[in-house]
Structure formats: C-alpha cells, structure tokens
C-alpha atoms as a PDB file:
ATOM      1  CA  MET A   1      98.323 231.079   2.607  1.00  0.00           C
ATOM      2  CA  ASP A   2      95.151 230.926   4.694  1.00  0.00           C
ATOM      3  CA  LEU A   3      95.035 229.533   8.207  1.00  0.00           C
ATOM      4  CA  ASN A   4      92.851 226.681   6.925  1.00  0.00           C
ATOM      5  CA  GLU A   5      95.633 225.650   4.581  1.00  0.00           C
ATOM      6  CA  LEU A   6      98.182 225.681   7.411  1.00  0.00           C
ATOM      7  CA  SER A   7      96.390 222.798   9.115  1.00  0.00           C
ATOM      8  CA  LYS A   8      97.440 220.597   6.176  1.00  0.00           C
ATOM      9  CA  TYR A   9     101.119 221.197   6.918  1.00  0.00           C
ATOM     10  CA  GLU A  10     103.454 220.257   9.708  1.00  0.00           C
ATOM     11  CA  LEU A  11     106.109 222.638  10.976  1.00  0.00           C
ATOM     12  CA  LYS A  12     109.250 220.628  10.424  1.00  0.00           C
ATOM     13  CA  GLU A  13     112.026 223.017  11.270  1.00  0.00           C
ATOM     14  CA  ILE A  14     112.715 226.616  12.184  1.00  0.00           C
ATOM     15  CA  VAL A  15     116.028 227.820  10.812  1.00  0.00           C
ATOM     16  CA  ARG A  16     117.382 231.005  12.332  1.00  0.00           C
ATOM     17  CA  PRO A  17     120.262 232.310  10.295  1.00  0.00           C
ATOM     18  CA  GLY A  18     122.979 233.281  12.734  1.00  0.00           C
ATOM     19  CA  ASP A  19     124.582 236.678  12.578  1.00  0.00           C
ATOM     20  CA  ASP A  20     127.215 236.851  15.269  1.00  0.00           C
ATOM     21  CA  SER A  21     129.022 239.919  13.970  1.00  0.00           C
ATOM     22  CA  TYR A  22     127.711 242.016  16.864  1.00  0.00           C
ATOM     23  CA  ASP A  23     128.121 239.406  19.606  1.00  0.00           C
ATOM     24  CA  ASP A  24     131.731 240.273  20.458  1.00  0.00           C
ATOM     25  CA  ILE A  25     131.041 243.968  20.985  1.00  0.00           C
ATOM     26  CA  ILE A  26     127.840 243.209  22.921  1.00  0.00           C
ATOM     27  CA  MET A  27     129.737 240.916  25.272  1.00  0.00           C
ATOM     28  CA  TYR A  28     132.474 243.536  25.707  1.00  0.00           C
ATOM     29  CA  LEU A  29     129.972 246.278  26.528  1.00  0.00           C
ATOM     30  CA  LEU A  30     128.075 243.992  28.914  1.00  0.00           C
ATOM     31  CA  GLY A  31     131.338 243.280  30.708  1.00  0.00           C
ATOM     32  CA  ILE A  32     131.794 247.004  31.306  1.00  0.00           C
ATOM     33  CA  ILE A  33     128.166 247.511  32.347  1.00  0.00           C
ATOM     34  CA  ASN A  34     128.304 244.610  34.826  1.00  0.00           C
ATOM     35  CA  ASP A  35     131.672 245.662  36.302  1.00  0.00           C
ATOM     36  CA  ARG A  36     130.939 246.923  39.821  1.00  0.00           C
ATOM     37  CA  THR A  37     134.297 248.669  40.174  1.00  0.00           C
ATOM     38  CA  ILE A  38     133.304 251.283  37.577  1.00  0.00           C
ATOM     39  CA  PRO A  39     131.040 254.060  38.913  1.00  0.00           C
ATOM     40  CA  GLU A  40     127.547 254.175  37.405  1.00  0.00           C
ATOM     41  CA  SER A  41     128.054 257.772  36.281  1.00  0.00           C
ATOM     42  CA  ASN A  42     130.903 256.592  34.008  1.00  0.00           C
ATOM     43  CA  LYS A  43     128.724 253.920  32.364  1.00  0.00           C
ATOM     44  CA  ILE A  44     126.196 256.285  30.775  1.00  0.00           C
ATOM     45  CA  LEU A  45     127.963 256.399  27.397  1.00  0.00           C
ATOM     46  CA  VAL A  46     128.536 252.632  27.445  1.00  0.00           C
ATOM     47  CA  ARG A  47     124.827 252.014  28.067  1.00  0.00           C
ATOM     48  CA  LYS A  48     123.932 254.267  25.119  1.00  0.00           C
ATOM     49  CA  GLN A  49     126.373 252.376  22.889  1.00  0.00           C
ATOM     50  CA  PHE A  50     124.955 249.046  24.069  1.00  0.00           C
ATOM     51  CA  ASP A  51     121.378 250.162  23.327  1.00  0.00           C
ATOM     52  CA  GLU A  52     122.398 251.348  19.850  1.00  0.00           C
ATOM     53  CA  ILE A  53     124.229 248.100  19.005  1.00  0.00           C
ATOM     54  CA  VAL A  54     121.275 245.982  20.146  1.00  0.00           C
ATOM     55  CA  ARG A  55     118.908 248.182  18.098  1.00  0.00           C
ATOM     56  CA  GLN A  56     121.083 247.819  14.992  1.00  0.00           C
ATOM     57  CA  LYS A  57     121.325 244.060  15.454  1.00  0.00           C
ATOM     58  CA  SER A  58     117.542 243.730  15.746  1.00  0.00           C
ATOM     59  CA  ILE A  59     117.082 245.752  12.543  1.00  0.00           C
ATOM     60  CA  LEU A  60     119.692 243.866  10.520  1.00  0.00           C
ATOM     61  CA  MET A  61     118.930 240.370  11.801  1.00  0.00           C
ATOM     62  CA  ASN A  62     117.359 238.070   9.216  1.00  0.00           C
ATOM     63  CA  PRO A  63     113.864 236.824  10.017  1.00  0.00           C
ATOM     64  CA  PRO A  64     113.378 233.141  10.857  1.00  0.00           C
ATOM     65  CA  ILE A  65     112.648 230.693   8.053  1.00  0.00           C
ATOM     66  CA  PHE A  66     109.788 228.241   8.532  1.00  0.00           C
ATOM     67  CA  VAL A  67     109.959 224.895   6.754  1.00  0.00           C
ATOM     68  CA  LEU A  68     106.565 223.278   6.213  1.00  0.00           C
ATOM     69  CA  THR A  69     105.987 219.695   5.102  1.00  0.00           C
ATOM     70  CA  PRO A  70     102.638 218.221   4.055  1.00  0.00           C
ATOM     71  CA  LYS A  71     101.129 215.983   6.759  1.00  0.00           C
ATOM     72  CA  ASP A  72      99.831 213.386   4.254  1.00  0.00           C
ATOM     73  CA  ARG A  73     103.267 212.734   2.781  1.00  0.00           C
ATOM     74  CA  GLY A  74     104.665 211.540   6.111  1.00  0.00           C
ATOM     75  CA  LYS A  75     101.782 209.059   6.597  1.00  0.00           C
ATOM     76  CA  GLU A  76     102.289 207.516   3.156  1.00  0.00           C
ATOM     77  CA  ARG A  77     105.917 206.726   3.924  1.00  0.00           C
ATOM     78  CA  ASP A  78     104.973 204.762   7.069  1.00  0.00           C
ATOM     79  CA  GLU A  79     102.563 202.498   5.169  1.00  0.00           C
END
C-alpha cells in the first residue's frame, strides 16, 4: 500500500496483543535489582538475567495490528 493510498483511510484502532508470560519474572527481578539492602556486586547475575528476559520478550512479542477504515464510509453514515 502506497502512502497516497493511506490518506484515504482512517486509523481506527491499534490492537496490541498482550503477552504477559514474562511479566511476573520481570517484576521479580526488578524487585531484586531495586532492593537497596542487597550489595551491587551480588546483583550482577540478576541484571544479566533481566537483560536476557527483556531481550527474549522483545523478540517473541507480536507486532501491533493496525485497523484501517475508509474515510468515505464514515461520512455516508452521517448523511
């Protein structure tokens, strides 16, 4: 679809499929990273695990879905 054709359509909705399978482990690892009672030298492995989980989530996450509707169709309904 060319950019000229996109002007004929209206972006109605962006649907982002949710994948929250990694959210629990990310929150757990962030809790450890943000805990000030744990020395920074002990958090090195946790930071590596966090980086790897975030990388995997970004790779496996589904791309957003764009829903386009023709602009003319909406005007005909109002008349």
